[in-house]
Structure formats: C-alpha cells, structure tokens
N, C-alpha and C. Protein backbone atom coordinates (compact mmCIF):
# COMPACT_ATOMS: atom_id res chain seq x y z
N MET A 1 13.10 -23.76 15.87
CA MET A 1 13.89 -24.48 14.90
C MET A 1 13.77 -23.78 13.54
N ASP A 2 14.77 -23.94 12.72
CA ASP A 2 14.79 -23.34 11.38
C ASP A 2 14.54 -24.40 10.32
N TYR A 3 13.73 -24.02 9.32
CA TYR A 3 13.37 -24.94 8.25
C TYR A 3 13.58 -24.30 6.89
N ARG A 4 13.81 -25.14 5.90
CA ARG A 4 13.90 -24.72 4.50
C ARG A 4 12.77 -25.42 3.76
N VAL A 5 11.94 -24.64 3.06
CA VAL A 5 10.85 -25.18 2.27
C VAL A 5 11.13 -24.86 0.80
N GLU A 6 10.99 -25.85 -0.05
CA GLU A 6 11.15 -25.67 -1.50
C GLU A 6 9.82 -25.97 -2.17
N VAL A 7 9.32 -25.02 -2.95
CA VAL A 7 8.06 -25.18 -3.67
C VAL A 7 8.38 -25.17 -5.16
N PHE A 8 7.88 -26.16 -5.89
CA PHE A 8 8.23 -26.32 -7.31
C PHE A 8 7.05 -26.87 -8.08
N GLY A 9 7.08 -26.67 -9.38
CA GLY A 9 6.01 -27.14 -10.25
C GLY A 9 6.02 -28.64 -10.39
N LYS A 10 4.82 -29.21 -10.53
CA LYS A 10 4.70 -30.64 -10.78
C LYS A 10 5.33 -30.97 -12.13
N ALA A 11 5.87 -32.15 -12.25
CA ALA A 11 6.63 -32.55 -13.44
C ALA A 11 5.84 -32.41 -14.73
N LYS A 12 4.56 -32.70 -14.71
CA LYS A 12 3.78 -32.71 -15.95
C LYS A 12 3.14 -31.36 -16.24
N VAL A 13 3.35 -30.38 -15.39
CA VAL A 13 2.75 -29.06 -15.58
C VAL A 13 3.86 -28.09 -15.97
N PRO A 14 3.84 -27.56 -17.20
CA PRO A 14 4.88 -26.61 -17.61
C PRO A 14 4.86 -25.37 -16.72
N GLU A 15 6.00 -24.95 -16.26
CA GLU A 15 6.12 -23.82 -15.36
C GLU A 15 6.52 -22.59 -16.17
N GLY A 16 5.69 -21.56 -16.13
CA GLY A 16 5.90 -20.37 -16.96
C GLY A 16 7.20 -19.65 -16.72
N ARG A 17 7.58 -19.50 -15.46
CA ARG A 17 8.83 -18.79 -15.17
C ARG A 17 10.03 -19.51 -15.78
N ALA A 18 10.02 -20.84 -15.71
CA ALA A 18 11.13 -21.63 -16.28
C ALA A 18 11.17 -21.47 -17.80
N ARG A 19 10.01 -21.57 -18.44
CA ARG A 19 9.96 -21.39 -19.90
C ARG A 19 10.44 -20.01 -20.29
N ASN A 20 9.98 -18.99 -19.58
CA ASN A 20 10.38 -17.61 -19.89
C ASN A 20 11.86 -17.39 -19.69
N LEU A 21 12.42 -17.94 -18.60
CA LEU A 21 13.86 -17.78 -18.36
C LEU A 21 14.66 -18.47 -19.44
N LEU A 22 14.25 -19.66 -19.83
CA LEU A 22 14.97 -20.38 -20.89
C LEU A 22 14.95 -19.55 -22.18
N ALA A 23 13.80 -18.97 -22.50
CA ALA A 23 13.69 -18.12 -23.70
C ALA A 23 14.60 -16.90 -23.58
N ASP A 24 14.64 -16.27 -22.40
CA ASP A 24 15.50 -15.11 -22.20
C ASP A 24 16.98 -15.47 -22.34
N ILE A 25 17.36 -16.61 -21.79
CA ILE A 25 18.77 -17.06 -21.90
C ILE A 25 19.15 -17.21 -23.36
N ARG A 26 18.26 -17.80 -24.12
CA ARG A 26 18.55 -18.06 -25.53
C ARG A 26 18.46 -16.78 -26.37
N GLU A 27 17.45 -15.98 -26.15
CA GLU A 27 17.21 -14.81 -26.99
C GLU A 27 18.05 -13.59 -26.59
N GLN A 28 18.10 -13.30 -25.31
CA GLN A 28 18.83 -12.11 -24.86
C GLN A 28 20.33 -12.33 -24.74
N LEU A 29 20.72 -13.52 -24.29
CA LEU A 29 22.15 -13.78 -24.07
C LEU A 29 22.75 -14.65 -25.17
N ASP A 30 21.93 -15.17 -26.06
CA ASP A 30 22.39 -16.02 -27.16
C ASP A 30 23.19 -17.23 -26.63
N ILE A 31 22.65 -17.85 -25.58
CA ILE A 31 23.27 -19.04 -24.98
C ILE A 31 22.35 -20.22 -25.28
N GLU A 32 22.84 -21.16 -26.07
CA GLU A 32 22.04 -22.33 -26.44
C GLU A 32 22.36 -23.56 -25.60
N ALA A 33 23.42 -23.50 -24.79
CA ALA A 33 23.86 -24.67 -24.03
C ALA A 33 22.91 -25.04 -22.90
N VAL A 34 22.09 -24.10 -22.44
CA VAL A 34 21.11 -24.42 -21.39
C VAL A 34 19.97 -25.21 -22.00
N LYS A 35 19.76 -26.40 -21.52
CA LYS A 35 18.74 -27.29 -22.09
C LYS A 35 17.48 -27.34 -21.22
N THR A 36 17.65 -27.21 -19.91
CA THR A 36 16.50 -27.27 -19.00
C THR A 36 16.64 -26.20 -17.92
N VAL A 37 15.49 -25.74 -17.45
CA VAL A 37 15.45 -24.77 -16.36
C VAL A 37 14.33 -25.19 -15.42
N GLN A 38 14.62 -25.16 -14.13
CA GLN A 38 13.59 -25.35 -13.13
C GLN A 38 13.70 -24.18 -12.15
N VAL A 39 12.54 -23.63 -11.76
CA VAL A 39 12.51 -22.51 -10.82
C VAL A 39 11.75 -22.98 -9.58
N LEU A 40 12.36 -22.78 -8.42
CA LEU A 40 11.74 -23.16 -7.15
C LEU A 40 11.65 -21.93 -6.26
N ASP A 41 10.57 -21.83 -5.51
CA ASP A 41 10.45 -20.79 -4.50
C ASP A 41 10.98 -21.36 -3.20
N LEU A 42 11.81 -20.58 -2.51
CA LEU A 42 12.38 -21.00 -1.23
C LEU A 42 11.81 -20.17 -0.10
N TYR A 43 11.56 -20.83 1.01
CA TYR A 43 11.09 -20.16 2.22
C TYR A 43 11.93 -20.67 3.38
N PHE A 44 12.56 -19.77 4.08
CA PHE A 44 13.35 -20.12 5.26
C PHE A 44 12.53 -19.67 6.47
N LEU A 45 12.15 -20.63 7.30
CA LEU A 45 11.24 -20.39 8.41
C LEU A 45 11.99 -20.53 9.73
N ARG A 46 11.76 -19.60 10.63
CA ARG A 46 12.38 -19.68 11.96
C ARG A 46 11.28 -19.50 12.99
N GLY A 47 11.34 -20.35 14.01
CA GLY A 47 10.38 -20.19 15.09
C GLY A 47 10.20 -21.48 15.86
N ASP A 48 9.21 -21.42 16.72
CA ASP A 48 8.83 -22.59 17.52
C ASP A 48 7.80 -23.38 16.73
N LEU A 49 8.28 -24.11 15.74
CA LEU A 49 7.42 -24.79 14.79
C LEU A 49 7.57 -26.31 14.88
N SER A 50 6.47 -26.99 14.87
CA SER A 50 6.49 -28.45 14.80
C SER A 50 6.47 -28.87 13.34
N ALA A 51 6.68 -30.13 13.10
CA ALA A 51 6.56 -30.65 11.73
C ALA A 51 5.16 -30.43 11.20
N GLU A 52 4.15 -30.57 12.05
CA GLU A 52 2.77 -30.34 11.64
C GLU A 52 2.54 -28.88 11.26
N ASP A 53 3.17 -27.95 12.00
CA ASP A 53 3.06 -26.52 11.66
C ASP A 53 3.63 -26.24 10.27
N VAL A 54 4.77 -26.82 9.99
CA VAL A 54 5.40 -26.60 8.68
C VAL A 54 4.54 -27.19 7.58
N ARG A 55 4.01 -28.37 7.80
CA ARG A 55 3.13 -29.00 6.82
C ARG A 55 1.89 -28.12 6.57
N ARG A 56 1.29 -27.60 7.62
CA ARG A 56 0.11 -26.73 7.47
C ARG A 56 0.45 -25.46 6.71
N LEU A 57 1.59 -24.85 7.01
CA LEU A 57 2.01 -23.65 6.28
C LEU A 57 2.14 -23.95 4.80
N CYS A 58 2.78 -25.07 4.49
CA CYS A 58 2.97 -25.45 3.09
C CYS A 58 1.64 -25.68 2.40
N GLU A 59 0.82 -26.50 2.99
CA GLU A 59 -0.40 -26.94 2.31
C GLU A 59 -1.50 -25.88 2.29
N GLN A 60 -1.51 -24.99 3.29
CA GLN A 60 -2.57 -23.99 3.34
C GLN A 60 -2.16 -22.62 2.78
N LEU A 61 -0.85 -22.33 2.78
CA LEU A 61 -0.44 -20.99 2.37
C LEU A 61 0.57 -20.93 1.22
N LEU A 62 1.42 -21.92 1.08
CA LEU A 62 2.52 -21.80 0.15
C LEU A 62 2.33 -22.53 -1.19
N VAL A 63 1.54 -23.56 -1.22
CA VAL A 63 1.49 -24.45 -2.38
C VAL A 63 0.10 -24.47 -3.01
N ASP A 64 0.07 -24.35 -4.33
CA ASP A 64 -1.15 -24.60 -5.10
C ASP A 64 -1.09 -26.06 -5.50
N ALA A 65 -1.83 -26.90 -4.80
CA ALA A 65 -1.71 -28.35 -4.96
C ALA A 65 -2.04 -28.85 -6.35
N VAL A 66 -2.73 -28.06 -7.14
CA VAL A 66 -3.05 -28.47 -8.51
C VAL A 66 -1.80 -28.50 -9.38
N VAL A 67 -0.92 -27.53 -9.22
CA VAL A 67 0.24 -27.40 -10.10
C VAL A 67 1.58 -27.45 -9.40
N GLN A 68 1.58 -27.49 -8.06
CA GLN A 68 2.85 -27.44 -7.31
C GLN A 68 2.98 -28.57 -6.30
N GLU A 69 4.23 -28.82 -5.95
CA GLU A 69 4.58 -29.76 -4.90
C GLU A 69 5.56 -29.04 -3.97
N TYR A 70 5.89 -29.68 -2.86
CA TYR A 70 6.85 -29.07 -1.94
C TYR A 70 7.65 -30.15 -1.23
N ARG A 71 8.75 -29.73 -0.68
CA ARG A 71 9.54 -30.55 0.24
C ARG A 71 10.12 -29.60 1.27
N TRP A 72 10.34 -30.12 2.45
CA TRP A 72 10.91 -29.28 3.49
C TRP A 72 11.83 -30.12 4.35
N SER A 73 12.72 -29.42 5.03
CA SER A 73 13.67 -30.09 5.91
C SER A 73 14.20 -29.08 6.92
N PRO A 74 14.72 -29.57 8.04
CA PRO A 74 15.41 -28.65 8.93
C PRO A 74 16.53 -27.95 8.17
N LEU A 75 16.78 -26.72 8.49
CA LEU A 75 17.75 -25.93 7.75
C LEU A 75 19.16 -26.52 7.80
N ASP A 76 19.49 -27.22 8.87
CA ASP A 76 20.82 -27.79 8.97
C ASP A 76 20.99 -29.09 8.17
N SER A 77 19.91 -29.55 7.51
CA SER A 77 20.00 -30.71 6.61
C SER A 77 20.42 -30.21 5.24
N PRO A 78 21.06 -31.06 4.44
CA PRO A 78 21.42 -30.65 3.08
C PRO A 78 20.18 -30.34 2.25
N SER A 79 20.28 -29.34 1.38
CA SER A 79 19.16 -29.04 0.49
C SER A 79 19.11 -30.08 -0.61
N SER A 80 18.03 -30.06 -1.37
CA SER A 80 17.90 -31.05 -2.45
C SER A 80 19.02 -30.87 -3.46
N SER A 81 19.44 -31.96 -4.01
CA SER A 81 20.54 -31.94 -4.97
C SER A 81 20.00 -31.89 -6.38
N PRO A 82 20.62 -31.10 -7.23
CA PRO A 82 20.20 -31.08 -8.64
C PRO A 82 20.65 -32.36 -9.33
N GLU A 83 20.16 -32.55 -10.52
CA GLU A 83 20.61 -33.68 -11.34
C GLU A 83 22.10 -33.49 -11.65
N ASP A 84 22.80 -34.57 -11.94
CA ASP A 84 24.21 -34.49 -12.32
C ASP A 84 24.36 -33.55 -13.51
N GLY A 85 25.33 -32.65 -13.41
CA GLY A 85 25.60 -31.72 -14.48
C GLY A 85 24.80 -30.44 -14.41
N ASP A 86 23.80 -30.37 -13.54
CA ASP A 86 23.01 -29.16 -13.40
C ASP A 86 23.74 -28.15 -12.50
N TRP A 87 23.43 -26.90 -12.71
CA TRP A 87 23.95 -25.81 -11.90
C TRP A 87 22.81 -25.22 -11.09
N VAL A 88 23.12 -24.75 -9.88
CA VAL A 88 22.12 -24.15 -9.02
C VAL A 88 22.52 -22.72 -8.69
N ILE A 89 21.56 -21.81 -8.83
CA ILE A 89 21.75 -20.42 -8.45
C ILE A 89 20.62 -20.09 -7.49
N GLU A 90 20.94 -19.62 -6.29
CA GLU A 90 19.91 -19.19 -5.35
C GLU A 90 20.04 -17.70 -5.15
N VAL A 91 18.90 -17.00 -5.28
CA VAL A 91 18.88 -15.55 -5.24
C VAL A 91 17.90 -15.11 -4.17
N GLY A 92 18.38 -14.25 -3.26
CA GLY A 92 17.53 -13.69 -2.21
C GLY A 92 17.65 -12.18 -2.21
N LEU A 93 16.87 -11.57 -1.36
CA LEU A 93 16.91 -10.11 -1.24
C LEU A 93 18.10 -9.68 -0.39
N HIS A 94 18.58 -8.48 -0.67
CA HIS A 94 19.62 -7.90 0.18
C HIS A 94 19.06 -7.65 1.57
N PRO A 95 19.89 -7.74 2.61
CA PRO A 95 19.41 -7.40 3.95
C PRO A 95 18.87 -5.98 3.96
N GLY A 96 17.76 -5.81 4.64
CA GLY A 96 17.15 -4.49 4.75
C GLY A 96 16.09 -4.21 3.70
N VAL A 97 16.05 -5.02 2.64
CA VAL A 97 15.02 -4.85 1.61
C VAL A 97 13.73 -5.52 2.12
N THR A 98 12.62 -4.83 1.97
CA THR A 98 11.35 -5.36 2.44
C THR A 98 10.98 -6.63 1.67
N ASP A 99 10.68 -7.68 2.40
CA ASP A 99 10.27 -8.96 1.84
C ASP A 99 8.77 -9.09 2.07
N SER A 100 7.97 -8.55 1.16
CA SER A 100 6.52 -8.51 1.36
C SER A 100 5.90 -9.91 1.39
N VAL A 101 6.45 -10.86 0.63
CA VAL A 101 5.94 -12.22 0.66
C VAL A 101 6.14 -12.82 2.05
N ALA A 102 7.30 -12.58 2.64
CA ALA A 102 7.57 -13.07 3.99
C ALA A 102 6.62 -12.46 5.01
N GLU A 103 6.37 -11.17 4.88
CA GLU A 103 5.44 -10.51 5.81
C GLU A 103 4.03 -11.06 5.67
N HIS A 104 3.59 -11.29 4.45
CA HIS A 104 2.26 -11.87 4.24
C HIS A 104 2.17 -13.29 4.80
N LEU A 105 3.26 -14.06 4.65
CA LEU A 105 3.27 -15.42 5.19
C LEU A 105 3.16 -15.40 6.71
N LYS A 106 3.85 -14.48 7.36
CA LYS A 106 3.76 -14.38 8.82
C LYS A 106 2.33 -14.05 9.26
N ARG A 107 1.69 -13.12 8.56
CA ARG A 107 0.31 -12.77 8.89
C ARG A 107 -0.62 -13.97 8.64
N GLY A 108 -0.42 -14.64 7.50
CA GLY A 108 -1.24 -15.80 7.19
C GLY A 108 -1.09 -16.91 8.19
N ALA A 109 0.15 -17.11 8.66
CA ALA A 109 0.40 -18.16 9.65
C ALA A 109 -0.42 -17.88 10.92
N HIS A 110 -0.44 -16.65 11.34
CA HIS A 110 -1.21 -16.29 12.53
C HIS A 110 -2.70 -16.57 12.31
N ILE A 111 -3.21 -16.25 11.11
CA ILE A 111 -4.62 -16.46 10.81
C ILE A 111 -5.00 -17.94 10.87
N ILE A 112 -4.10 -18.83 10.41
CA ILE A 112 -4.43 -20.26 10.43
C ILE A 112 -4.02 -20.93 11.75
N GLY A 113 -3.58 -20.13 12.70
CA GLY A 113 -3.27 -20.68 14.02
C GLY A 113 -1.86 -21.20 14.22
N VAL A 114 -0.95 -20.85 13.34
CA VAL A 114 0.46 -21.21 13.52
C VAL A 114 1.16 -19.99 14.09
N ASP A 115 1.15 -19.90 15.41
CA ASP A 115 1.65 -18.70 16.07
C ASP A 115 3.15 -18.73 16.38
N GLY A 116 3.80 -19.86 16.15
CA GLY A 116 5.22 -20.00 16.49
C GLY A 116 6.16 -19.49 15.41
N LEU A 117 5.63 -19.02 14.27
CA LEU A 117 6.49 -18.54 13.19
C LEU A 117 6.98 -17.13 13.53
N HIS A 118 8.29 -16.98 13.73
CA HIS A 118 8.86 -15.69 14.16
C HIS A 118 9.51 -14.93 13.01
N GLN A 119 10.10 -15.65 12.07
CA GLN A 119 10.83 -14.97 10.99
C GLN A 119 10.73 -15.80 9.72
N VAL A 120 10.63 -15.09 8.58
CA VAL A 120 10.59 -15.74 7.27
C VAL A 120 11.50 -14.97 6.34
N VAL A 121 12.25 -15.68 5.54
CA VAL A 121 13.06 -15.10 4.47
C VAL A 121 12.73 -15.89 3.22
N THR A 122 12.53 -15.18 2.09
CA THR A 122 12.24 -15.87 0.84
C THR A 122 13.40 -15.72 -0.14
N ALA A 123 13.45 -16.65 -1.06
CA ALA A 123 14.48 -16.62 -2.12
C ALA A 123 13.94 -17.43 -3.29
N THR A 124 14.71 -17.45 -4.36
CA THR A 124 14.38 -18.24 -5.54
C THR A 124 15.57 -19.08 -5.91
N ARG A 125 15.31 -20.33 -6.27
CA ARG A 125 16.36 -21.26 -6.70
C ARG A 125 16.15 -21.55 -8.18
N TYR A 126 17.22 -21.43 -8.94
CA TYR A 126 17.21 -21.73 -10.37
C TYR A 126 18.12 -22.93 -10.61
N GLU A 127 17.61 -23.95 -11.27
CA GLU A 127 18.44 -25.11 -11.64
C GLU A 127 18.56 -25.11 -13.15
N LEU A 128 19.79 -25.03 -13.63
CA LEU A 128 20.07 -24.96 -15.06
C LEU A 128 20.74 -26.26 -15.50
N GLY A 129 20.16 -26.90 -16.49
CA GLY A 129 20.72 -28.14 -17.01
C GLY A 129 21.32 -27.93 -18.38
N GLY A 130 22.42 -28.59 -18.63
CA GLY A 130 23.10 -28.49 -19.91
C GLY A 130 24.59 -28.53 -19.70
N ASN A 131 25.32 -28.54 -20.78
CA ASN A 131 26.77 -28.56 -20.72
C ASN A 131 27.27 -27.12 -20.58
N LEU A 132 27.36 -26.65 -19.34
CA LEU A 132 27.65 -25.23 -19.09
C LEU A 132 29.00 -25.03 -18.42
N GLU A 133 29.64 -23.97 -18.81
CA GLU A 133 30.87 -23.52 -18.16
C GLU A 133 30.49 -22.64 -16.98
N GLU A 134 31.34 -22.60 -15.97
CA GLU A 134 31.06 -21.77 -14.80
C GLU A 134 30.89 -20.29 -15.18
N ALA A 135 31.69 -19.81 -16.10
CA ALA A 135 31.60 -18.40 -16.53
C ALA A 135 30.24 -18.12 -17.17
N THR A 136 29.69 -19.07 -17.88
CA THR A 136 28.37 -18.90 -18.50
C THR A 136 27.29 -18.80 -17.42
N VAL A 137 27.38 -19.64 -16.40
CA VAL A 137 26.42 -19.61 -15.31
C VAL A 137 26.49 -18.26 -14.59
N HIS A 138 27.71 -17.77 -14.35
CA HIS A 138 27.86 -16.45 -13.70
C HIS A 138 27.25 -15.35 -14.58
N ARG A 139 27.43 -15.45 -15.87
CA ARG A 139 26.86 -14.44 -16.77
C ARG A 139 25.33 -14.45 -16.70
N ILE A 140 24.74 -15.62 -16.72
CA ILE A 140 23.27 -15.74 -16.61
C ILE A 140 22.79 -15.13 -15.30
N ALA A 141 23.48 -15.46 -14.22
CA ALA A 141 23.08 -14.92 -12.90
C ALA A 141 23.17 -13.40 -12.90
N LYS A 142 24.28 -12.85 -13.35
CA LYS A 142 24.48 -11.41 -13.29
C LYS A 142 23.55 -10.64 -14.24
N GLU A 143 23.31 -11.19 -15.41
CA GLU A 143 22.56 -10.42 -16.41
C GLU A 143 21.05 -10.66 -16.35
N LEU A 144 20.61 -11.79 -15.76
CA LEU A 144 19.17 -12.07 -15.78
C LEU A 144 18.56 -12.32 -14.41
N LEU A 145 19.32 -12.78 -13.44
CA LEU A 145 18.70 -13.27 -12.22
C LEU A 145 18.87 -12.42 -10.98
N CYS A 146 19.89 -11.62 -10.93
CA CYS A 146 20.12 -10.89 -9.68
C CYS A 146 20.61 -9.47 -9.92
N ASN A 147 20.50 -8.68 -8.90
CA ASN A 147 20.96 -7.29 -8.92
C ASN A 147 22.02 -7.18 -7.84
N GLU A 148 23.28 -7.14 -8.28
CA GLU A 148 24.36 -7.10 -7.29
C GLU A 148 24.28 -5.87 -6.44
C-alpha cells in the first residue's frame, strides 16, 4: 500500500525554515503580502506496510517529538487542506535525481525491523498565507523554491 506522511513543526515552536523563507520572500523578492509560511516534509511510502509499520517509521525515524508532529494517510486519501486563503506549493526531486533522505529511510526501516518498505520518495510542502495573486505564488516558487 502507498502512504503519504507529513512532518511539521509544533505550533508553539518557531520553525527556522519557515522564518527564513518568509524573510527571503520579503527581502529578496520584495513581496510583503505573504503573512505566514509553514514548511512540511513529505514522505511517500510504498510497500507491504501496516498502520503500525507507518507509525513506527514516523516515531522512530522521521519525527523529532520535541519540536515536530506528523500525520499520515493512505496515498489515495486527500492530503491535508491548508487554511482558507492559503496557497500550497509541493516540491520534489526530478526523476533520476538521487534522493539520499529516501535511501537513508529505507536503510533505517530495515534496521528497526520494518522490512516491507520498498520505495520512498521525499518532497517539501510550503503553505503560504496572505492575500496573494496566483502570479505572485508562481514567482515565489520559481525564484526561491524549485529548479525547473
């Protein structure tokens, strides 16, 4: 079965990547309309995995429980929805590019006894809050978040 795991910072713990991206949007692109930024790590898991296997992967390998939380669902379920008015940008690696985080996760899964994990793909999800035009969101994605 295929699963989607989202790892994100706890609400009361400031997340450095989000703060840095917000500063870059304002300073490098001179865009003040972005009011909030949230950055989530995404993991797409494929294999003969039970719900307990996915929970163990999250809690033992993917999440720092002091500062992070997670949610997961079967891949065919809808992903989490952003707040009203927020924009979502998801960025992954091009096919054929080495995904070292995915390779390490597969090795780690084997070490903790989760042998059913066959494939992992990682990505990053950016949620931008504010009164934004679609063209502005595309500009942020192209200039700061991805390499076409």
